[in-house]
PDB file of N, CA and C in Angstrom:
ATOM      1  N   MET A   1       0.843  -1.183   0.000  1.00  0.00           N
ATOM      2  CA  MET A   1       0.000   0.000   0.000  1.00  0.00           C
ATOM      3  C   MET A   1       0.885   1.242   0.000  1.00  0.00           C
ATOM      4  N   THR A   2       0.641   2.153  -0.910  1.00  0.00           N
ATOM      5  CA  THR A   2       1.416   3.376  -1.000  1.00  0.00           C
ATOM      6  C   THR A   2       0.806   4.439  -0.099  1.00  0.00           C
ATOM      7  N   GLU A   3       1.668   5.038   0.722  1.00  0.00           N
ATOM      8  CA  GLU A   3       1.183   6.092   1.610  1.00  0.00           C
ATOM      9  C   GLU A   3       1.158   7.415   0.855  1.00  0.00           C
ATOM     10  N   ARG A   4       0.009   8.090   0.888  1.00  0.00           N
ATOM     11  CA  ARG A   4      -0.128   9.384   0.220  1.00  0.00           C
ATOM     12  C   ARG A   4      -0.135  10.479   1.261  1.00  0.00           C
ATOM     13  N   ARG A   5       0.514  11.544   0.950  1.00  0.00           N
ATOM     14  CA  ARG A   5       0.525  12.696   1.844  1.00  0.00           C
ATOM     15  C   ARG A   5      -0.644  13.605   1.490  1.00  0.00           C
ATOM     16  N   HIS A   6      -1.156  14.270   2.486  1.00  0.00           N
ATOM     17  CA  HIS A   6      -2.237  15.226   2.252  1.00  0.00           C
ATOM     18  C   HIS A   6      -1.701  16.353   1.372  1.00  0.00           C
ATOM     19  N   PRO A   7      -2.504  16.859   0.459  1.00  0.00           N
ATOM     20  CA  PRO A   7      -2.038  17.902  -0.458  1.00  0.00           C
ATOM     21  C   PRO A   7      -1.607  19.192   0.229  1.00  0.00           C
ATOM     22  N   ARG A   8      -2.019  19.413   1.473  1.00  0.00           N
ATOM     23  CA  ARG A   8      -1.603  20.645   2.164  1.00  0.00           C
ATOM     24  C   ARG A   8      -0.090  20.732   2.304  1.00  0.00           C
ATOM     25  N   HIS A   9       0.581  19.591   2.227  1.00  0.00           N
ATOM     26  CA  HIS A   9       2.042  19.590   2.323  1.00  0.00           C
ATOM     27  C   HIS A   9       2.680  20.235   1.092  1.00  0.00           C
ATOM     28  N   GLY A  10       1.910  20.423   0.038  1.00  0.00           N
ATOM     29  CA  GLY A  10       2.408  21.086  -1.157  1.00  0.00           C
ATOM     30  C   GLY A  10       2.246  22.596  -1.131  1.00  0.00           C
ATOM     31  N   LEU A  11       1.588  23.119  -0.092  1.00  0.00           N
ATOM     32  CA  LEU A  11       1.414  24.568   0.023  1.00  0.00           C
ATOM     33  C   LEU A  11       2.743  25.226   0.381  1.00  0.00           C
ATOM     34  N   ASP A  12       2.969  26.392  -0.162  1.00  0.00           N
ATOM     35  CA  ASP A  12       4.208  27.135   0.041  1.00  0.00           C
ATOM     36  C   ASP A  12       3.959  28.255   1.052  1.00  0.00           C
ATOM     37  N   ASP A  13       4.712  28.275   2.133  1.00  0.00           N
ATOM     38  CA  ASP A  13       4.529  29.291   3.173  1.00  0.00           C
ATOM     39  C   ASP A  13       4.615  30.716   2.628  1.00  0.00           C
ATOM     40  N   ALA A  14       5.472  30.934   1.649  1.00  0.00           N
ATOM     41  CA  ALA A  14       5.629  32.274   1.088  1.00  0.00           C
ATOM     42  C   ALA A  14       4.395  32.731   0.316  1.00  0.00           C
ATOM     43  N   LEU A  15       3.522  31.794  -0.051  1.00  0.00           N
ATOM     44  CA  LEU A  15       2.346  32.127  -0.854  1.00  0.00           C
ATOM     45  C   LEU A  15       1.036  32.012  -0.070  1.00  0.00           C
ATOM     46  N   LEU A  16       1.125  31.822   1.232  1.00  0.00           N
ATOM     47  CA  LEU A  16      -0.075  31.560   2.022  1.00  0.00           C
ATOM     48  C   LEU A  16      -0.934  32.787   2.321  1.00  0.00           C
ATOM     49  N   THR A  17      -0.395  33.976   2.231  1.00  0.00           N
ATOM     50  CA  THR A  17      -1.250  35.136   2.494  1.00  0.00           C
ATOM     51  C   THR A  17      -1.969  35.543   1.210  1.00  0.00           C
ATOM     52  N   PRO A  18      -3.174  36.047   1.341  1.00  0.00           N
ATOM     53  CA  PRO A  18      -3.913  36.457   0.139  1.00  0.00           C
ATOM     54  C   PRO A  18      -3.169  37.499  -0.699  1.00  0.00           C
ATOM     55  N   LEU A  19      -2.466  38.424  -0.067  1.00  0.00           N
ATOM     56  CA  LEU A  19      -1.781  39.465  -0.819  1.00  0.00           C
ATOM     57  C   LEU A  19      -0.598  38.896  -1.604  1.00  0.00           C
ATOM     58  N   ARG A  20       0.213  38.066  -0.983  1.00  0.00           N
ATOM     59  CA  ARG A  20       1.363  37.487  -1.696  1.00  0.00           C
ATOM     60  C   ARG A  20       0.896  36.562  -2.814  1.00  0.00           C
ATOM     61  N   PHE A  21      -0.142  35.782  -2.561  1.00  0.00           N
ATOM     62  CA  PHE A  21      -0.697  34.906  -3.594  1.00  0.00           C
ATOM     63  C   PHE A  21      -1.231  35.746  -4.757  1.00  0.00           C
ATOM     64  N   SER A  22      -1.967  36.798  -4.442  1.00  0.00           N
ATOM     65  CA  SER A  22      -2.532  37.676  -5.477  1.00  0.00           C
ATOM     66  C   SER A  22      -1.444  38.378  -6.269  1.00  0.00           C
ATOM     67  N   LEU A  23      -0.378  38.775  -5.597  1.00  0.00           N
ATOM     68  CA  LEU A  23       0.733  39.441  -6.269  1.00  0.00           C
ATOM     69  C   LEU A  23       1.366  38.500  -7.289  1.00  0.00           C
ATOM     70  N   MET A  24       1.628  37.265  -6.886  1.00  0.00           N
ATOM     71  CA  MET A  24       2.222  36.302  -7.817  1.00  0.00           C
ATOM     72  C   MET A  24       1.276  36.003  -8.974  1.00  0.00           C
ATOM     73  N   ALA A  25      -0.007  35.901  -8.697  1.00  0.00           N
ATOM     74  CA  ALA A  25      -0.983  35.650  -9.757  1.00  0.00           C
ATOM     75  C   ALA A  25      -1.025  36.824 -10.735  1.00  0.00           C
ATOM     76  N   ALA A  26      -0.922  38.036 -10.213  1.00  0.00           N
ATOM     77  CA  ALA A  26      -0.958  39.228 -11.067  1.00  0.00           C
ATOM     78  C   ALA A  26       0.258  39.286 -11.984  1.00  0.00           C
ATOM     79  N   LEU A  27       1.399  38.831 -11.495  1.00  0.00           N
ATOM     80  CA  LEU A  27       2.609  38.902 -12.314  1.00  0.00           C
ATOM     81  C   LEU A  27       2.565  37.949 -13.492  1.00  0.00           C
ATOM     82  N   GLY A  28       1.891  36.833 -13.347  1.00  0.00           N
ATOM     83  CA  GLY A  28       1.762  35.914 -14.469  1.00  0.00           C
ATOM     84  C   GLY A  28       3.107  35.460 -14.998  1.00  0.00           C
ATOM     85  N   PRO A  29       3.086  34.739 -16.108  1.00  0.00           N
ATOM     86  CA  PRO A  29       4.319  34.147 -16.616  1.00  0.00           C
ATOM     87  C   PRO A  29       5.293  35.133 -17.269  1.00  0.00           C
ATOM     88  N   ASP A  30       4.802  36.147 -17.930  1.00  0.00           N
ATOM     89  CA  ASP A  30       5.703  37.051 -18.659  1.00  0.00           C
ATOM     90  C   ASP A  30       5.458  38.521 -18.360  1.00  0.00           C
ATOM     91  N   ALA A  31       4.782  38.808 -17.257  1.00  0.00           N
ATOM     92  CA  ALA A  31       4.436  40.200 -16.970  1.00  0.00           C
ATOM     93  C   ALA A  31       5.491  40.875 -16.106  1.00  0.00           C
ATOM     94  N   GLU A  32       5.757  42.117 -16.410  1.00  0.00           N
ATOM     95  CA  GLU A  32       6.545  42.979 -15.543  1.00  0.00           C
ATOM     96  C   GLU A  32       5.630  44.155 -15.228  1.00  0.00           C
ATOM     97  N   ILE A  33       5.342  44.338 -13.951  1.00  0.00           N
ATOM     98  CA  ILE A  33       4.361  45.340 -13.541  1.00  0.00           C
ATOM     99  C   ILE A  33       5.012  46.295 -12.552  1.00  0.00           C
ATOM    100  N   ASP A  34       4.715  47.577 -12.689  1.00  0.00           N
ATOM    101  CA  ASP A  34       5.288  48.556 -11.769  1.00  0.00           C
ATOM    102  C   ASP A  34       4.531  48.552 -10.437  1.00  0.00           C
ATOM    103  N   PHE A  35       5.216  49.032  -9.418  1.00  0.00           N
ATOM    104  CA  PHE A  35       4.714  49.018  -8.050  1.00  0.00           C
ATOM    105  C   PHE A  35       3.348  49.704  -7.942  1.00  0.00           C
ATOM    106  N   ALA A  36       3.213  50.881  -8.513  1.00  0.00           N
ATOM    107  CA  ALA A  36       1.956  51.641  -8.402  1.00  0.00           C
ATOM    108  C   ALA A  36       0.789  50.889  -9.037  1.00  0.00           C
ATOM    109  N   THR A  37       1.030  50.270 -10.177  1.00  0.00           N
ATOM    110  CA  THR A  37      -0.024  49.499 -10.840  1.00  0.00           C
ATOM    111  C   THR A  37      -0.424  48.302  -9.993  1.00  0.00           C
ATOM    112  N   LEU A  38       0.566  47.611  -9.417  1.00  0.00           N
ATOM    113  CA  LEU A  38       0.263  46.476  -8.536  1.00  0.00           C
ATOM    114  C   LEU A  38      -0.534  46.926  -7.318  1.00  0.00           C
ATOM    115  N   ARG A  39      -0.135  48.044  -6.735  1.00  0.00           N
ATOM    116  CA  ARG A  39      -0.838  48.568  -5.558  1.00  0.00           C
ATOM    117  C   ARG A  39      -2.310  48.809  -5.887  1.00  0.00           C
ATOM    118  N   GLN A  40      -2.591  49.404  -7.020  1.00  0.00           N
ATOM    119  CA  GLN A  40      -3.979  49.657  -7.430  1.00  0.00           C
ATOM    120  C   GLN A  40      -4.708  48.359  -7.752  1.00  0.00           C
ATOM    121  N   LEU A  41      -4.065  47.489  -8.503  1.00  0.00           N
ATOM    122  CA  LEU A  41      -4.665  46.225  -8.914  1.00  0.00           C
ATOM    123  C   LEU A  41      -5.033  45.368  -7.699  1.00  0.00           C
ATOM    124  N   LEU A  42      -4.145  45.334  -6.712  1.00  0.00           N
ATOM    125  CA  LEU A  42      -4.347  44.488  -5.541  1.00  0.00           C
ATOM    126  C   LEU A  42      -5.107  45.187  -4.421  1.00  0.00           C
ATOM    127  N   GLU A  43      -5.437  46.457  -4.638  1.00  0.00           N
ATOM    128  CA  GLU A  43      -6.211  47.241  -3.669  1.00  0.00           C
ATOM    129  C   GLU A  43      -5.588  47.181  -2.275  1.00  0.00           C
ATOM    130  N   THR A  44      -4.318  47.604  -2.214  1.00  0.00           N
ATOM    131  CA  THR A  44      -3.585  47.579  -0.956  1.00  0.00           C
ATOM    132  C   THR A  44      -2.809  48.878  -0.805  1.00  0.00           C
ATOM    133  N   ASP A  45      -2.079  48.983   0.291  1.00  0.00           N
ATOM    134  CA  ASP A  45      -1.292  50.196   0.513  1.00  0.00           C
ATOM    135  C   ASP A  45       0.194  49.902   0.296  1.00  0.00           C
ATOM    136  N   ASP A  46       0.992  50.968   0.269  1.00  0.00           N
ATOM    137  CA  ASP A  46       2.422  50.843  -0.006  1.00  0.00           C
ATOM    138  C   ASP A  46       3.117  49.908   0.985  1.00  0.00           C
ATOM    139  N   SER A  47       2.809  50.063   2.264  1.00  0.00           N
ATOM    140  CA  SER A  47       3.479  49.291   3.299  1.00  0.00           C
ATOM    141  C   SER A  47       3.209  47.791   3.156  1.00  0.00           C
ATOM    142  N   ALA A  48       1.953  47.423   3.003  1.00  0.00           N
ATOM    143  CA  ALA A  48       1.602  46.003   2.873  1.00  0.00           C
ATOM    144  C   ALA A  48       2.226  45.408   1.617  1.00  0.00           C
ATOM    145  N   LEU A  49       2.194  46.158   0.521  1.00  0.00           N
ATOM    146  CA  LEU A  49       2.767  45.653  -0.731  1.00  0.00           C
ATOM    147  C   LEU A  49       4.280  45.513  -0.605  1.00  0.00           C
ATOM    148  N   SER A  50       4.923  46.474   0.019  1.00  0.00           N
ATOM    149  CA  SER A  50       6.374  46.410   0.211  1.00  0.00           C
ATOM    150  C   SER A  50       6.769  45.189   1.034  1.00  0.00           C
ATOM    151  N   LYS A  51       6.010  44.900   2.078  1.00  0.00           N
ATOM    152  CA  LYS A  51       6.295  43.726   2.917  1.00  0.00           C
ATOM    153  C   LYS A  51       6.098  42.435   2.116  1.00  0.00           C
ATOM    154  N   ALA A  52       5.041  42.383   1.325  1.00  0.00           N
ATOM    155  CA  ALA A  52       4.787  41.197   0.505  1.00  0.00           C
ATOM    156  C   ALA A  52       5.920  40.993  -0.498  1.00  0.00           C
ATOM    157  N   ILE A  53       6.356  42.074  -1.119  1.00  0.00           N
ATOM    158  CA  ILE A  53       7.446  41.990  -2.091  1.00  0.00           C
ATOM    159  C   ILE A  53       8.725  41.527  -1.407  1.00  0.00           C
ATOM    160  N   ALA A  54       9.013  42.048  -0.222  1.00  0.00           N
ATOM    161  CA  ALA A  54      10.229  41.651   0.502  1.00  0.00           C
ATOM    162  C   ALA A  54      10.230  40.159   0.802  1.00  0.00           C
ATOM    163  N   THR A  55       9.093  39.620   1.210  1.00  0.00           N
ATOM    164  CA  THR A  55       8.988  38.190   1.506  1.00  0.00           C
ATOM    165  C   THR A  55       9.191  37.360   0.246  1.00  0.00           C
ATOM    166  N   LEU A  56       8.539  37.750  -0.834  1.00  0.00           N
ATOM    167  CA  LEU A  56       8.647  37.002  -2.086  1.00  0.00           C
ATOM    168  C   LEU A  56      10.039  37.133  -2.698  1.00  0.00           C
ATOM    169  N   ARG A  57      10.650  38.278  -2.526  1.00  0.00           N
ATOM    170  CA  ARG A  57      12.010  38.477  -3.034  1.00  0.00           C
ATOM    171  C   ARG A  57      13.006  37.619  -2.255  1.00  0.00           C
ATOM    172  N   ALA A  58      12.833  37.568  -0.922  1.00  0.00           N
ATOM    173  CA  ALA A  58      13.711  36.740  -0.086  1.00  0.00           C
ATOM    174  C   ALA A  58      13.578  35.261  -0.447  1.00  0.00           C
ATOM    175  N   ALA A  59      12.386  34.850  -0.868  1.00  0.00           N
ATOM    176  CA  ALA A  59      12.160  33.469  -1.284  1.00  0.00           C
ATOM    177  C   ALA A  59      12.688  33.209  -2.694  1.00  0.00           C
ATOM    178  N   GLY A  60      13.076  34.268  -3.389  1.00  0.00           N
ATOM    179  CA  GLY A  60      13.561  34.128  -4.764  1.00  0.00           C
ATOM    180  C   GLY A  60      12.450  34.049  -5.789  1.00  0.00           C
ATOM    181  N   TYR A  61      11.237  34.489  -5.414  1.00  0.00           N
ATOM    182  CA  TYR A  61      10.072  34.345  -6.280  1.00  0.00           C
ATOM    183  C   TYR A  61       9.812  35.558  -7.164  1.00  0.00           C
ATOM    184  N   VAL A  62      10.348  36.722  -6.807  1.00  0.00           N
ATOM    185  CA  VAL A  62      10.183  37.907  -7.646  1.00  0.00           C
ATOM    186  C   VAL A  62      11.534  38.592  -7.836  1.00  0.00           C
ATOM    187  N   GLY A  63      11.666  39.168  -9.001  1.00  0.00           N
ATOM    188  CA  GLY A  63      12.809  40.008  -9.288  1.00  0.00           C
ATOM    189  C   GLY A  63      12.349  41.453  -9.282  1.00  0.00           C
ATOM    190  N   VAL A  64      13.206  42.330  -8.801  1.00  0.00           N
ATOM    191  CA  VAL A  64      12.874  43.741  -8.693  1.00  0.00           C
ATOM    192  C   VAL A  64      13.848  44.528  -9.558  1.00  0.00           C
ATOM    193  N   ARG A  65      13.302  45.414 -10.379  1.00  0.00           N
ATOM    194  CA  ARG A  65      14.121  46.292 -11.218  1.00  0.00           C
ATOM    195  C   ARG A  65      13.743  47.722 -10.889  1.00  0.00           C
ATOM    196  N   LYS A  66      14.743  48.532 -10.622  1.00  0.00           N
ATOM    197  CA  LYS A  66      14.493  49.940 -10.304  1.00  0.00           C
ATOM    198  C   LYS A  66      15.020  50.802 -11.433  1.00  0.00           C
ATOM    199  N   GLY A  67      14.321  51.900 -11.664  1.00  0.00           N
ATOM    200  CA  GLY A  67      14.737  52.818 -12.713  1.00  0.00           C
ATOM    201  C   GLY A  67      13.998  54.138 -12.571  1.00  0.00           C
ATOM    202  N   TYR A  68      14.031  54.915 -13.620  1.00  0.00           N
ATOM    203  CA  TYR A  68      13.386  56.231 -13.605  1.00  0.00           C
ATOM    204  C   TYR A  68      12.518  56.405 -14.835  1.00  0.00           C
ATOM    205  N   VAL A  69      11.432  57.110 -14.647  1.00  0.00           N
ATOM    206  CA  VAL A  69      10.585  57.540 -15.743  1.00  0.00           C
ATOM    207  C   VAL A  69      10.375  59.036 -15.535  1.00  0.00           C
ATOM    208  N   ALA A  70      10.867  59.828 -16.477  1.00  0.00           N
ATOM    209  CA  ALA A  70      10.776  61.289 -16.371  1.00  0.00           C
ATOM    210  C   ALA A  70      11.315  61.788 -15.024  1.00  0.00           C
ATOM    211  N   ASN A  71      12.487  61.324 -14.683  1.00  0.00           N
ATOM    212  CA  ASN A  71      13.173  61.711 -13.445  1.00  0.00           C
ATOM    213  C   ASN A  71      12.458  61.299 -12.164  1.00  0.00           C
ATOM    214  N   ARG A  72      11.498  60.403 -12.270  1.00  0.00           N
ATOM    215  CA  ARG A  72      10.801  59.899 -11.080  1.00  0.00           C
ATOM    216  C   ARG A  72      11.171  58.434 -10.887  1.00  0.00           C
ATOM    217  N   PRO A  73      11.534  58.056  -9.676  1.00  0.00           N
ATOM    218  CA  PRO A  73      11.915  56.659  -9.443  1.00  0.00           C
ATOM    219  C   PRO A  73      10.736  55.714  -9.633  1.00  0.00           C
ATOM    220  N   ARG A  74      11.018  54.553 -10.199  1.00  0.00           N
ATOM    221  CA  ARG A  74      10.002  53.531 -10.415  1.00  0.00           C
ATOM    222  C   ARG A  74      10.589  52.177 -10.034  1.00  0.00           C
ATOM    223  N   THR A  75       9.703  51.278  -9.610  1.00  0.00           N
ATOM    224  CA  THR A  75      10.076  49.909  -9.291  1.00  0.00           C
ATOM    225  C   THR A  75       9.178  48.982 -10.087  1.00  0.00           C
ATOM    226  N   TRP A  76       9.804  48.031 -10.796  1.00  0.00           N
ATOM    227  CA  TRP A  76       9.065  47.042 -11.564  1.00  0.00           C
ATOM    228  C   TRP A  76       9.340  45.664 -10.984  1.00  0.00           C
ATOM    229  N   LEU A  77       8.345  44.811 -11.055  1.00  0.00           N
ATOM    230  CA  LEU A  77       8.469  43.451 -10.532  1.00  0.00           C
ATOM    231  C   LEU A  77       8.153  42.438 -11.613  1.00  0.00           C
ATOM    232  N   ARG A  78       8.831  41.302 -11.503  1.00  0.00           N
ATOM    233  CA  ARG A  78       8.631  40.198 -12.433  1.00  0.00           C
ATOM    234  C   ARG A  78       8.775  38.904 -11.642  1.00  0.00           C
ATOM    235  N   ALA A  79       7.928  37.921 -11.920  1.00  0.00           N
ATOM    236  CA  ALA A  79       8.054  36.606 -11.289  1.00  0.00           C
ATOM    237  C   ALA A  79       9.284  35.903 -11.859  1.00  0.00           C
ATOM    238  N   THR A  80      10.028  35.231 -10.995  1.00  0.00           N
ATOM    239  CA  THR A  80      11.183  34.454 -11.440  1.00  0.00           C
ATOM    240  C   THR A  80      10.710  33.061 -11.876  1.00  0.00           C
ATOM    241  N   LEU A  81      11.609  32.324 -12.492  1.00  0.00           N
ATOM    242  CA  LEU A  81      11.274  30.945 -12.873  1.00  0.00           C
ATOM    243  C   LEU A  81      10.903  30.124 -11.645  1.00  0.00           C
ATOM    244  N   SER A  82      11.664  30.271 -10.567  1.00  0.00           N
ATOM    245  CA  SER A  82      11.344  29.500  -9.363  1.00  0.00           C
ATOM    246  C   SER A  82      10.042  29.985  -8.740  1.00  0.00           C
ATOM    247  N   GLY A  83       9.738  31.263  -8.862  1.00  0.00           N
ATOM    248  CA  GLY A  83       8.464  31.785  -8.362  1.00  0.00           C
ATOM    249  C   GLY A  83       7.283  31.224  -9.129  1.00  0.00           C
ATOM    250  N   ARG A  84       7.416  31.137 -10.431  1.00  0.00           N
ATOM    251  CA  ARG A  84       6.336  30.562 -11.251  1.00  0.00           C
ATOM    252  C   ARG A  84       6.161  29.075 -10.950  1.00  0.00           C
ATOM    253  N   ALA A  85       7.279  28.374 -10.756  1.00  0.00           N
ATOM    254  CA  ALA A  85       7.199  26.943 -10.430  1.00  0.00           C
ATOM    255  C   ALA A  85       6.538  26.748  -9.062  1.00  0.00           C
ATOM    256  N   ALA A  86       6.911  27.568  -8.086  1.00  0.00           N
ATOM    257  CA  ALA A  86       6.317  27.468  -6.753  1.00  0.00           C
ATOM    258  C   ALA A  86       4.824  27.766  -6.816  1.00  0.00           C
ATOM    259  N   MET A  87       4.448  28.713  -7.633  1.00  0.00           N
ATOM    260  CA  MET A  87       3.031  29.062  -7.779  1.00  0.00           C
ATOM    261  C   MET A  87       2.254  27.891  -8.379  1.00  0.00           C
ATOM    262  N   ARG A  88       2.818  27.224  -9.378  1.00  0.00           N
ATOM    263  CA  ARG A  88       2.140  26.065  -9.980  1.00  0.00           C
ATOM    264  C   ARG A  88       1.922  24.956  -8.951  1.00  0.00           C
ATOM    265  N   VAL A  89       2.942  24.660  -8.154  1.00  0.00           N
ATOM    266  CA  VAL A  89       2.825  23.619  -7.126  1.00  0.00           C
ATOM    267  C   VAL A  89       1.789  24.026  -6.084  1.00  0.00           C
ATOM    268  N   HIS A  90       1.836  25.285  -5.668  1.00  0.00           N
ATOM    269  CA  HIS A  90       0.902  25.796  -4.657  1.00  0.00           C
ATOM    270  C   HIS A  90      -0.544  25.713  -5.159  1.00  0.00           C
ATOM    271  N   VAL A  91      -0.778  26.145  -6.377  1.00  0.00           N
ATOM    272  CA  VAL A  91      -2.126  26.109  -6.954  1.00  0.00           C
ATOM    273  C   VAL A  91      -2.604  24.665  -7.102  1.00  0.00           C
ATOM    274  N   SER A  92      -1.718  23.766  -7.504  1.00  0.00           N
ATOM    275  CA  SER A  92      -2.092  22.351  -7.602  1.00  0.00           C
ATOM    276  C   SER A  92      -2.513  21.804  -6.244  1.00  0.00           C
ATOM    277  N   ALA A  93      -1.782  22.189  -5.204  1.00  0.00           N
ATOM    278  CA  ALA A  93      -2.134  21.738  -3.860  1.00  0.00           C
ATOM    279  C   ALA A  93      -3.493  22.301  -3.447  1.00  0.00           C
ATOM    280  N   LEU A  94      -3.747  23.566  -3.733  1.00  0.00           N
ATOM    281  CA  LEU A  94      -5.046  24.165  -3.411  1.00  0.00           C
ATOM    282  C   LEU A  94      -6.173  23.453  -4.157  1.00  0.00           C
ATOM    283  N   GLN A  95      -5.943  23.154  -5.430  1.00  0.00           N
ATOM    284  CA  GLN A  95      -6.961  22.453  -6.212  1.00  0.00           C
ATOM    285  C   GLN A  95      -7.221  21.059  -5.657  1.00  0.00           C
ATOM    286  N   ALA A  96      -6.165  20.385  -5.244  1.00  0.00           N
ATOM    287  CA  ALA A  96      -6.334  19.046  -4.675  1.00  0.00           C
ATOM    288  C   ALA A  96      -7.106  19.111  -3.364  1.00  0.00           C
ATOM    289  N   ILE A  97      -6.801  20.093  -2.546  1.00  0.00           N
ATOM    290  CA  ILE A  97      -7.526  20.256  -1.280  1.00  0.00           C
ATOM    291  C   ILE A  97      -8.989  20.579  -1.557  1.00  0.00           C
ATOM    292  N   ALA A  98      -9.225  21.529  -2.446  1.00  0.00           N
ATOM    293  CA  ALA A  98     -10.597  21.929  -2.770  1.00  0.00           C
ATOM    294  C   ALA A  98     -11.371  20.797  -3.424  1.00  0.00           C
ATOM    295  N   GLY A  99     -10.671  19.933  -4.135  1.00  0.00           N
ATOM    296  CA  GLY A  99     -11.310  18.807  -4.792  1.00  0.00           C
ATOM    297  C   GLY A  99     -11.591  17.652  -3.854  1.00  0.00           C
ATOM    298  N   GLY A 100     -11.183  17.791  -2.604  1.00  0.00           N
ATOM    299  CA  GLY A 100     -11.463  16.758  -1.622  1.00  0.00           C
ATOM    300  C   GLY A 100     -10.525  15.573  -1.675  1.00  0.00           C
ATOM    301  N   LEU A 101      -9.377  15.759  -2.315  1.00  0.00           N
ATOM    302  CA  LEU A 101      -8.415  14.671  -2.378  1.00  0.00           C
ATOM    303  C   LEU A 101      -7.751  14.511  -1.015  1.00  0.00           C
ATOM    304  N   THR A 102      -7.904  13.325  -0.444  1.00  0.00           N
ATOM    305  CA  THR A 102      -7.280  13.007   0.836  1.00  0.00           C
ATOM    306  C   THR A 102      -6.615  11.659   0.718  1.00  0.00           C
ATOM    307  N   THR A 103      -6.049  11.200   1.792  1.00  0.00           N
ATOM    308  CA  THR A 103      -5.426   9.878   1.744  1.00  0.00           C
ATOM    309  C   THR A 103      -6.503   8.828   1.499  1.00  0.00           C
ATOM    310  N   SER A 104      -6.130   7.751   0.876  1.00  0.00           N
ATOM    311  CA  SER A 104      -7.109   6.702   0.571  1.00  0.00           C
ATOM    312  C   SER A 104      -7.704   6.124   1.845  1.00  0.00           C
ATOM    313  N   ALA A 105      -6.953   6.100   2.932  1.00  0.00           N
ATOM    314  CA  ALA A 105      -7.475   5.580   4.200  1.00  0.00           C
ATOM    315  C   ALA A 105      -8.612   6.455   4.720  1.00  0.00           C
ATOM    316  N   ALA A 106      -8.444   7.771   4.611  1.00  0.00           N
ATOM    317  CA  ALA A 106      -9.495   8.681   5.071  1.00  0.00           C
ATOM    318  C   ALA A 106     -10.736   8.540   4.195  1.00  0.00           C
ATOM    319  N   SER A 107     -10.538   8.381   2.903  1.00  0.00           N
ATOM    320  CA  SER A 107     -11.672   8.202   1.997  1.00  0.00           C
ATOM    321  C   SER A 107     -12.430   6.923   2.321  1.00  0.00           C
ATOM    322  N   GLU A 108     -11.681   5.861   2.566  1.00  0.00           N
ATOM    323  CA  GLU A 108     -12.295   4.577   2.898  1.00  0.00           C
ATOM    324  C   GLU A 108     -13.060   4.660   4.210  1.00  0.00           C
ATOM    325  N   SER A 109     -12.487   5.356   5.192  1.00  0.00           N
ATOM    326  CA  SER A 109     -13.147   5.517   6.493  1.00  0.00           C
ATOM    327  C   SER A 109     -14.460   6.284   6.322  1.00  0.00           C
ATOM    328  N   HIS A 110     -14.454   7.279   5.492  1.00  0.00           N
ATOM    329  CA  HIS A 110     -15.654   8.083   5.245  1.00  0.00           C
ATOM    330  C   HIS A 110     -16.762   7.233   4.625  1.00  0.00           C
ATOM    331  N   ARG A 111     -16.369   6.357   3.680  1.00  0.00           N
ATOM    332  CA  ARG A 111     -17.368   5.498   3.035  1.00  0.00           C
ATOM    333  C   ARG A 111     -17.980   4.513   4.014  1.00  0.00           C
ATOM    334  N   GLN A 112     -17.173   4.019   4.929  1.00  0.00           N
ATOM    335  CA  GLN A 112     -17.669   3.051   5.910  1.00  0.00           C
ATOM    336  C   GLN A 112     -18.601   3.730   6.922  1.00  0.00           C
ATOM    337  N   ASP A 113     -18.319   5.008   7.264  1.00  0.00           N
ATOM    338  CA  ASP A 113     -19.155   5.735   8.231  1.00  0.00           C
ATOM    339  C   ASP A 113     -20.494   6.107   7.632  1.00  0.00           C
ATOM    340  N   GLY A 114     -20.556   6.333   6.318  1.00  0.00           N
ATOM    341  CA  GLY A 114     -21.761   6.808   5.650  1.00  0.00           C
ATOM    342  C   GLY A 114     -22.722   5.738   5.467  1.00  0.00           C
TER     343      GLY A 114
END
């Protein structure tokens, strides 16, 4: 008998907050989005977004590029390859949890109780 782990073990701690998850989803596979646009899109404030970016950057999930537009500083963000891979695993785990996938023993126990 093969032992299966619950899909929650596939969740990534860096992606567990709604803001960090939403930020990674907004970046998508090939998007580079500036800080102000992300702040508006995610309906958050500068401080919360900055903290989310710091966590994701420390995990290696986002790259940050700084520059200027008309002499005004700008910050752009892009998901890294490892960030996109982590997001795919995390979303798969969420789908498995939402789909009711559990260990076969738990499923069997449920059928016997019903």
